[in-house]
C-alpha cells in the first residue's frame, strides 16, 4: 500500500512506490499515509519560490483540530538536540496543553509566523468590543534553509500564515520541496517535507487508532543514510567517489553542509487518548525512527519533537473577559479517558515507524534544486536506490529460503 503521492514529477515517488516490498514495520499505513489520516487534523503548505532562484522557502501549517482556539489537545515535547527553535513549548511543558496551530518554516521567519498566528486569531476571535483579552502562545518551529534560500529577503510574511491556516484541510499533504521544507537538505540530498501514518488496532479488535508523523528534514550526512537497514548512503558515496567530478561536487557540498548543519522538526499526531506524559514518551520514539535513517543529533542540529492527541478535548479561553464561565480560584473537574500504559507499545512502535517513513518520503519526493547563488543540491537518485534495495532484498530471500 503506497498511500497518496502528490508529486507532479513522474520520476519521483514515495518510498513504497519506488520499493514496493520494502519493510517499514508491522503496522499498516492509513489511507493517505500521512498526518491528515488522524481524524480532525488539518494541514496546508505555502511554497515561496522566485524565478531567479534566490528565494526557496515557505511555511507548513498543522491545525490540531478545527476549533483549536477553544478546545486544547494534550501534548508533549522532546528535545533530542537543542540548536533550534520551537516557540510555545514552555507552556506545553507547563500545562501539557496545545491550543495553537503548529507552523514550521525557516530560521529567519519565526517572527513572521508568530505574528501571522496572532493576525489570524484577531480576525476570528478579536473583533469584540473588548478587543484581545484571550491567551495564546503560537507554536512555531524552524530549520535553516540558507544554503538554497536567500534569508535576507525575509520572504515569509504573516499573510502567508493567515492563508495557510485559512486553507488548511484534510487533503493529503504535498511532500518534498514544499512548504517550510522547500529549501531544506537531508543526508547529502535534497530534503524538505514528508509525512506518514500507522493504524494500531485497539483491544479485542476494537477501534483502530492512528499515529502519524510530519517532518521537516534538514539534517545529516550522506554516508549515514540507511533505508530499511540498507546502507544506501554509504554505497552511493562510494560510487560517487569513483568519479573525480562527482567527488569534487560532493566535497563542495560537504564543505557547505558541515559549516551549517541543519535540523529536523518532527510533529506526531494521534487520536489515541494519551495524557501529556504519555505524549512525551511518544515524542521520544521519534528519535528511534530518525536514528534508523541515520540521524545522530549533531551539535549544531535542532532536533525538536512534538506529539499531540486529539483523543480528549480540554476547554480553554473560559476565564477571559468575554467568556468568563470558570472561576479560576474554585477547582472543578473534567472527564477524560486515557490509554493504559501497559498497552501502549503498539503506539510507541507506530511513532517510530511513521517517523522513519516520513523521512524516506521526504527524500524520495524531493527534487533536485538550484537555488541561492546558483547552488545545486541533487535529489536522491531513485533508480540507484531501487537497484541497491533489490540487491539486498535478494540477499534476504536467500537467508529466508
Protein backbone atom coordinates (compact mmCIF):
# COMPACT_ATOMS: atom_id res chain seq x y z
CA UNK A 1 0.00 0.00 0.00
CA UNK A 2 1.67 3.21 -1.13
CA UNK A 3 -0.68 5.88 0.20
CA UNK A 4 -1.31 9.05 -1.74
CA UNK A 5 1.50 10.55 -3.80
CA UNK A 6 1.34 14.26 -4.58
CA UNK A 7 4.40 14.77 -6.79
CA UNK A 8 3.91 16.43 -10.18
CA UNK A 9 7.15 14.80 -11.36
CA UNK A 10 6.57 11.22 -12.61
CA UNK A 11 10.21 10.37 -11.89
CA UNK A 12 9.64 10.89 -8.17
CA UNK A 13 7.50 8.86 -5.78
CA UNK A 14 7.15 7.82 -2.17
CA UNK A 15 9.35 5.02 -0.92
CA UNK A 16 6.57 2.42 -1.12
CA UNK A 17 6.10 3.39 -4.78
CA UNK A 18 9.82 3.04 -5.51
CA UNK A 19 10.47 -0.13 -3.50
CA UNK A 20 7.08 -1.89 -3.20
CA UNK A 21 8.33 -4.72 -0.98
CA UNK A 22 10.24 -2.56 1.47
CA UNK A 23 9.70 -3.46 5.13
CA UNK A 24 8.64 -0.48 7.23
CA UNK A 25 7.27 -2.12 10.36
CA UNK A 26 4.34 -4.34 11.28
CA UNK A 27 1.64 -1.65 11.40
CA UNK A 28 -0.29 -0.77 8.23
CA UNK A 29 -0.32 2.83 6.97
CA UNK A 30 -3.52 4.87 6.89
CA UNK A 31 -5.36 5.54 3.61
CA UNK A 32 -3.36 8.72 2.90
CA UNK A 33 -0.25 7.53 4.72
CA UNK A 34 0.05 11.00 6.21
CA UNK A 35 -0.73 13.25 9.13
CA UNK A 36 -4.20 14.13 7.86
CA UNK A 37 -5.19 10.50 8.39
CA UNK A 38 -5.68 11.47 12.03
CA UNK A 39 -9.38 12.44 12.21
CA UNK A 40 -9.84 16.19 12.57
CA UNK A 41 -6.22 17.15 11.85
CA UNK A 42 -5.81 19.69 9.03
CA UNK A 43 -2.71 20.87 7.16
CA UNK A 44 -1.57 23.16 4.37
CA UNK A 45 1.70 24.18 2.74
CA UNK A 46 2.66 27.54 1.25
CA UNK A 47 5.66 27.35 -1.09
CA UNK A 48 7.53 30.55 -2.00
CA UNK A 49 9.97 30.49 -4.92
CA UNK A 50 11.34 33.24 -7.16
CA UNK A 51 12.20 32.72 -10.82
CA UNK A 52 15.77 33.90 -10.32
CA UNK A 53 16.36 31.04 -7.88
CA UNK A 54 17.27 33.21 -4.89
CA UNK A 55 14.16 32.51 -2.81
CA UNK A 56 13.16 28.92 -2.00
CA UNK A 57 11.21 28.76 1.23
CA UNK A 58 7.71 28.62 2.70
CA UNK A 59 5.58 27.61 5.63
CA UNK A 60 3.78 24.42 6.67
CA UNK A 61 0.70 24.67 8.89
CA UNK A 62 -0.72 21.85 11.03
CA UNK A 63 -4.06 22.52 12.70
CA UNK A 64 -4.66 20.04 15.56
CA UNK A 65 -8.43 20.39 15.31
CA UNK A 66 -10.73 22.88 13.63
CA UNK A 67 -11.58 24.67 16.88
CA UNK A 68 -8.03 24.69 18.24
CA UNK A 69 -8.67 28.06 19.87
CA UNK A 70 -11.30 26.86 22.37
CA UNK A 71 -10.52 23.13 22.63
CA UNK A 72 -6.96 22.23 23.54
CA UNK A 73 -5.21 18.94 22.85
CA UNK A 74 -2.94 17.18 25.28
CA UNK A 75 0.66 17.40 24.07
CA UNK A 76 4.24 16.51 24.96
CA UNK A 77 7.68 17.75 23.88
CA UNK A 78 11.04 16.03 23.49
CA UNK A 79 14.29 17.81 22.69
CA UNK A 80 16.82 15.44 21.11
CA UNK A 81 19.24 18.28 20.38
CA UNK A 82 18.50 21.90 21.15
CA UNK A 83 20.18 24.04 18.48
CA UNK A 84 16.84 25.20 17.09
CA UNK A 85 13.57 26.85 17.94
CA UNK A 86 10.03 25.77 18.66
CA UNK A 87 8.13 28.56 20.35
CA UNK A 88 5.37 27.94 22.87
CA UNK A 89 7.00 24.81 24.27
CA UNK A 90 7.47 26.19 27.78
CA UNK A 91 3.69 26.46 28.10
CA UNK A 92 3.17 22.98 26.68
CA UNK A 93 5.63 21.58 29.24
CA UNK A 94 3.95 23.61 32.00
CA UNK A 95 0.37 22.54 31.25
CA UNK A 96 0.53 19.61 28.83
CA UNK A 97 -1.84 21.54 26.55
CA UNK A 98 -1.59 22.59 22.91
CA UNK A 99 -4.07 25.28 21.88
CA UNK A 100 -2.32 26.76 18.88
CA UNK A 101 -1.74 25.71 15.30
CA UNK A 102 1.78 24.43 14.58
CA UNK A 103 3.80 26.35 11.97
CA UNK A 104 7.08 25.08 10.50
CA UNK A 105 9.26 27.43 8.46
CA UNK A 106 12.83 28.71 8.01
CA UNK A 107 15.03 30.11 10.78
CA UNK A 108 14.50 33.76 9.86
CA UNK A 109 10.71 33.51 9.52
CA UNK A 110 9.79 32.54 13.09
CA UNK A 111 8.74 36.11 13.91
CA UNK A 112 6.58 36.47 10.81
CA UNK A 113 4.83 33.19 11.52
CA UNK A 114 4.29 34.13 15.17
CA UNK A 115 2.67 37.39 14.06
CA UNK A 116 0.65 35.54 11.42
CA UNK A 117 -0.97 33.28 14.04
CA UNK A 118 -1.99 36.35 16.02
CA UNK A 119 -3.35 38.06 12.91
CA UNK A 120 -5.46 35.00 12.12
CA UNK A 121 -6.69 34.83 15.73
CA UNK A 122 -7.60 38.52 15.76
CA UNK A 123 -9.57 38.12 12.53
CA UNK A 124 -11.58 35.26 14.00
CA UNK A 125 -11.63 35.92 17.75
CA UNK A 126 -10.55 39.52 18.39
CA UNK A 127 -13.32 41.63 16.87
CA UNK A 128 -15.38 42.08 20.04
CA UNK A 129 -15.61 45.48 21.77
CA UNK A 130 -13.21 44.25 24.45
CA UNK A 131 -10.57 43.51 21.81
CA UNK A 132 -7.95 40.90 22.67
CA UNK A 133 -8.46 39.50 26.14
CA UNK A 134 -7.57 35.87 25.49
CA UNK A 135 -4.38 33.86 25.98
CA UNK A 136 -2.47 32.37 23.05
CA UNK A 137 1.19 31.37 22.64
CA UNK A 138 1.80 30.36 18.99
CA UNK A 139 3.84 27.24 18.28
CA UNK A 140 6.37 27.97 15.53
CA UNK A 141 9.32 25.70 14.65
CA UNK A 142 12.19 26.24 12.22
CA UNK A 143 15.05 24.68 10.31
CA UNK A 144 17.79 26.52 8.39
CA UNK A 145 17.48 26.84 4.58
CA UNK A 146 20.19 29.44 3.95
CA UNK A 147 22.16 27.27 1.50
CA UNK A 148 19.38 27.33 -1.10
CA UNK A 149 17.34 30.31 0.08
CA UNK A 150 18.39 33.95 0.47
CA UNK A 151 17.32 34.51 4.05
CA UNK A 152 17.98 38.24 3.69
CA UNK A 153 14.79 38.54 1.65
CA UNK A 154 12.51 37.62 4.60
CA UNK A 155 10.13 36.14 2.05
CA UNK A 156 7.66 34.59 4.52
CA UNK A 157 5.08 37.10 5.73
CA UNK A 158 2.29 36.96 8.33
CA UNK A 159 -0.18 36.96 5.42
CA UNK A 160 1.24 33.63 4.24
CA UNK A 161 0.39 32.18 7.65
CA UNK A 162 -3.15 33.55 7.56
CA UNK A 163 -3.55 31.95 4.12
CA UNK A 164 -2.14 28.62 5.29
CA UNK A 165 -4.45 28.47 8.32
CA UNK A 166 -7.46 29.54 6.23
CA UNK A 167 -6.78 26.89 3.58
CA UNK A 168 -5.86 24.05 5.94
CA UNK A 169 -7.74 20.86 5.08
CA UNK A 170 -7.71 17.09 5.45
CA UNK A 171 -6.30 16.62 1.93
CA UNK A 172 -3.04 14.68 1.51
CA UNK A 173 -0.03 16.80 2.40
CA UNK A 174 2.36 17.54 -0.50
CA UNK A 175 5.92 16.34 0.08
CA UNK A 176 9.46 17.18 -0.92
CA UNK A 177 10.26 20.75 -1.97
CA UNK A 178 7.14 22.28 -0.44
CA UNK A 179 6.09 24.49 2.45
CA UNK A 180 8.65 25.14 5.13
CA UNK A 181 10.75 22.34 3.66
CA UNK A 182 11.17 23.98 0.24
CA UNK A 183 14.85 24.89 0.62
CA UNK A 184 15.98 22.14 3.00
CA UNK A 185 18.66 19.44 2.59
CA UNK A 186 18.77 15.98 4.13
CA UNK A 187 21.62 13.48 4.47
CA UNK A 188 23.54 14.70 1.43
CA UNK A 189 20.50 15.12 -0.82
CA UNK A 190 17.57 17.46 -1.32
CA UNK A 191 15.32 17.28 1.72
CA UNK A 192 12.14 19.03 2.80
CA UNK A 193 8.69 17.91 3.94
CA UNK A 194 7.46 14.35 4.42
CA UNK A 195 4.67 12.52 6.23
CA UNK A 196 3.44 9.02 7.06
CA UNK A 197 0.90 7.28 9.30
CA UNK A 198 0.16 3.97 11.01
CA UNK A 199 -3.02 2.24 12.20
CA UNK A 200 -2.90 0.41 15.53
CA UNK A 201 -5.94 -1.79 16.35
CA UNK A 202 -7.42 -1.42 19.80
CA UNK A 203 -8.15 -4.12 22.33
CA UNK A 204 -10.08 -7.16 21.07
CA UNK A 205 -10.07 -5.86 17.50
CA UNK A 206 -11.88 -2.70 18.53
CA UNK A 207 -11.35 0.82 17.25
CA UNK A 208 -8.06 1.40 15.45
CA UNK A 209 -6.01 4.40 16.45
CA UNK A 210 -3.91 6.44 14.02
CA UNK A 211 -0.39 7.62 14.76
CA UNK A 212 1.11 9.94 12.15
CA UNK A 213 4.29 11.94 11.64
CA UNK A 214 5.13 15.04 9.64
CA UNK A 215 8.79 16.00 9.36
CA UNK A 216 10.75 18.97 8.08
CA UNK A 217 14.08 17.23 7.40
CA UNK A 218 17.27 19.26 7.05
CA UNK A 219 19.99 17.28 8.80
CA UNK A 220 22.70 14.65 8.50
CA UNK A 221 25.39 13.23 6.21
CA UNK A 222 25.20 11.09 3.09
CA UNK A 223 27.32 8.21 4.39
CA UNK A 224 24.93 7.69 7.32
CA UNK A 225 21.77 7.26 5.20
CA UNK A 226 20.13 3.87 5.65
CA UNK A 227 16.85 2.71 4.12
CA UNK A 228 15.18 -0.18 5.93
CA UNK A 229 18.60 -1.08 7.32
CA UNK A 230 20.40 -0.97 3.94
CA UNK A 231 23.48 1.36 3.87
CA UNK A 232 22.26 3.20 0.78
CA UNK A 233 24.13 6.42 1.55
CA UNK A 234 27.48 4.72 2.02
CA UNK A 235 27.06 2.81 -1.24
CA UNK A 236 26.11 5.96 -3.14
CA UNK A 237 29.00 7.91 -1.61
CA UNK A 238 31.47 5.18 -2.62
CA UNK A 239 30.08 5.19 -6.16
CA UNK A 240 30.36 8.97 -6.35
CA UNK A 241 33.94 8.88 -5.10
CA UNK A 242 34.94 6.78 -8.09
CA UNK A 243 34.29 9.75 -10.36
CA UNK A 244 36.56 12.73 -9.82
CA UNK A 245 33.94 15.31 -10.84
CA UNK A 246 31.36 13.76 -8.55
CA UNK A 247 33.88 13.67 -5.72
CA UNK A 248 34.65 17.35 -6.20
CA UNK A 249 30.95 18.17 -6.24
CA UNK A 250 30.38 16.15 -3.09
CA UNK A 251 33.37 17.80 -1.39
CA UNK A 252 31.95 21.23 -2.17
CA UNK A 253 28.56 20.19 -0.84
CA UNK A 254 30.04 18.70 2.33
CA UNK A 255 32.03 21.87 2.98
CA UNK A 256 28.85 23.95 2.89
CA UNK A 257 26.81 21.41 4.83
CA UNK A 258 29.38 20.85 7.56
CA UNK A 259 29.68 24.57 8.22
CA UNK A 260 25.90 24.99 8.53
CA UNK A 261 24.42 21.76 9.82
CA UNK A 262 20.67 21.60 9.71
CA UNK A 263 17.89 20.33 11.91
CA UNK A 264 14.75 18.22 11.91
CA UNK A 265 11.35 19.10 13.29
CA UNK A 266 9.03 16.16 13.88
CA UNK A 267 5.34 16.52 14.70
CA UNK A 268 3.46 13.40 15.80
CA UNK A 269 -0.34 13.34 15.88
CA UNK A 270 -2.70 10.67 17.17
CA UNK A 271 -6.35 10.18 18.01
CA UNK A 272 -5.44 7.71 20.76
CA UNK A 273 -6.38 9.28 24.10
CA UNK A 274 -2.97 9.91 25.66
CA UNK A 275 -2.13 12.20 28.56
CA UNK A 276 0.85 14.61 28.42
CA UNK A 277 3.41 12.24 29.98
CA UNK A 278 2.42 9.51 27.51
CA UNK A 279 2.79 12.04 24.69
CA UNK A 280 6.29 12.91 25.89
CA UNK A 281 7.05 9.21 25.61
CA UNK A 282 5.57 9.12 22.11
CA UNK A 283 7.66 12.13 21.07
CA UNK A 284 10.81 10.42 22.32
CA UNK A 285 10.15 7.48 19.98
CA UNK A 286 10.58 9.79 17.00
CA UNK A 287 14.28 9.53 17.85
CA UNK A 288 14.15 5.80 17.06
CA UNK A 289 12.81 6.48 13.57
CA UNK A 290 15.36 9.24 12.99
CA UNK A 291 18.22 7.01 14.13
CA UNK A 292 17.18 4.23 11.75
CA UNK A 293 17.56 6.62 8.81
CA UNK A 294 20.90 7.98 10.03
CA UNK A 295 20.34 10.95 12.33
CA UNK A 296 22.88 11.43 15.12
CA UNK A 297 21.72 14.72 16.64
CA UNK A 298 24.92 16.55 15.74
CA UNK A 299 25.96 19.52 17.88
CA UNK A 300 24.51 22.41 15.77
CA UNK A 301 21.39 20.48 14.80
CA UNK A 302 18.00 21.47 16.17
CA UNK A 303 16.05 18.23 16.65
CA UNK A 304 12.80 19.05 18.43
CA UNK A 305 9.77 16.77 18.51
CA UNK A 306 6.15 17.49 19.48
CA UNK A 307 3.39 14.92 19.94
CA UNK A 308 -0.28 15.75 20.43
CA UNK A 309 -3.50 13.80 20.86
CA UNK A 310 -6.99 14.69 19.72
CA UNK A 311 -8.43 11.94 21.93
CA UNK A 312 -9.67 14.39 24.56
CA UNK A 313 -10.96 17.95 24.30
CA UNK A 314 -9.84 20.33 27.03
CA UNK A 315 -11.74 23.64 27.22
CA UNK A 316 -9.61 26.79 27.23
CA UNK A 317 -10.36 30.54 26.91
CA UNK A 318 -13.00 30.14 29.64
CA UNK A 319 -11.73 32.79 32.05
CA UNK A 320 -11.46 35.75 29.64
CA UNK A 321 -13.50 38.93 29.89
CA UNK A 322 -15.69 37.79 27.00
CA UNK A 323 -16.27 34.25 28.22
CA UNK A 324 -15.67 34.10 31.97
CA UNK A 325 -17.51 30.88 32.65
CA UNK A 326 -14.94 29.41 35.04
CA UNK A 327 -13.83 30.77 38.41
CA UNK A 328 -10.01 30.29 38.39
CA UNK A 329 -9.93 30.01 42.19
CA UNK A 330 -12.53 27.25 42.59
CA UNK A 331 -11.27 23.86 41.37
CA UNK A 332 -13.54 21.94 39.05
CA UNK A 333 -13.11 18.54 37.43
CA UNK A 334 -13.11 17.45 33.79
CA UNK A 335 -13.77 13.99 32.43
CA UNK A 336 -11.20 12.26 30.24
CA UNK A 337 -10.06 8.76 29.29
CA UNK A 338 -6.52 7.53 28.65
CA UNK A 339 -4.78 4.51 27.22
CA UNK A 340 -3.48 2.03 29.78
CA UNK A 341 0.32 2.41 29.86
CA UNK A 342 0.62 -1.37 29.91
CA UNK A 343 -0.96 -1.47 26.44
CA UNK A 344 0.90 1.41 24.81
CA UNK A 345 3.66 -0.47 22.97
CA UNK A 346 1.93 -0.56 19.60
CA UNK A 347 1.52 3.21 19.64
CA UNK A 348 5.20 3.68 20.53
CA UNK A 349 6.26 1.43 17.67
CA UNK A 350 3.94 3.25 15.28
CA UNK A 351 5.50 6.60 16.22
CA UNK A 352 8.98 5.34 15.36
CA UNK A 353 7.86 3.64 12.14
CA UNK A 354 5.85 6.63 10.89
CA UNK A 355 8.77 8.97 11.59
CA UNK A 356 11.17 6.72 9.69
CA UNK A 357 8.93 6.53 6.64
CA UNK A 358 8.14 10.25 6.71
CA UNK A 359 11.86 10.97 6.30
CA UNK A 360 12.11 8.47 3.44
CA UNK A 361 9.13 10.13 1.74
CA UNK A 362 10.86 13.50 2.12
CA UNK A 363 13.95 12.22 0.33
CA UNK A 364 12.09 10.31 -2.35
CA UNK A 365 9.66 13.11 -3.22
CA UNK A 366 12.18 15.97 -3.12
CA UNK A 367 13.57 17.11 -6.48
CA UNK A 368 16.96 18.48 -7.48
CA UNK A 369 17.08 22.22 -6.82
CA UNK A 370 19.35 25.03 -7.98
CA UNK A 371 18.85 27.89 -5.57
CA UNK A 372 20.50 30.89 -4.00
CA UNK A 373 23.86 31.88 -5.57
CA UNK A 374 23.49 29.11 -8.15
CA UNK A 375 24.00 26.34 -5.60
CA UNK A 376 22.60 22.97 -6.62
CA UNK A 377 21.58 20.11 -4.36
CA UNK A 378 20.79 16.83 -6.08
CA UNK A 379 17.78 14.69 -5.30
CA UNK A 380 18.20 11.17 -4.00
CA UNK A 381 18.77 9.06 -7.18
CA UNK A 382 15.74 6.77 -7.05
CA UNK A 383 16.80 4.40 -9.83
CA UNK A 384 20.04 3.69 -7.99
CA UNK A 385 18.10 3.28 -4.75
CA UNK A 386 15.88 0.70 -6.46
CA UNK A 387 18.93 -1.20 -7.68
CA UNK A 388 20.62 -1.18 -4.28
CA UNK A 389 17.48 -2.23 -2.44
CA UNK A 390 16.82 -5.02 -4.96
CA UNK A 391 20.31 -6.46 -4.38
CA UNK A 392 19.78 -6.52 -0.63
CA UNK A 393 16.29 -7.97 -0.96
CA UNK A 394 17.75 -10.85 -2.98
CA UNK A 395 20.22 -11.50 -0.16
CA UNK A 396 17.34 -11.51 2.34
CA UNK A 397 15.46 -14.03 0.23
CA UNK A 398 18.50 -16.29 0.32
CA UNK A 399 18.61 -16.20 4.11
CA UNK A 400 14.87 -16.91 4.44
CA UNK A 401 14.83 -19.73 1.87
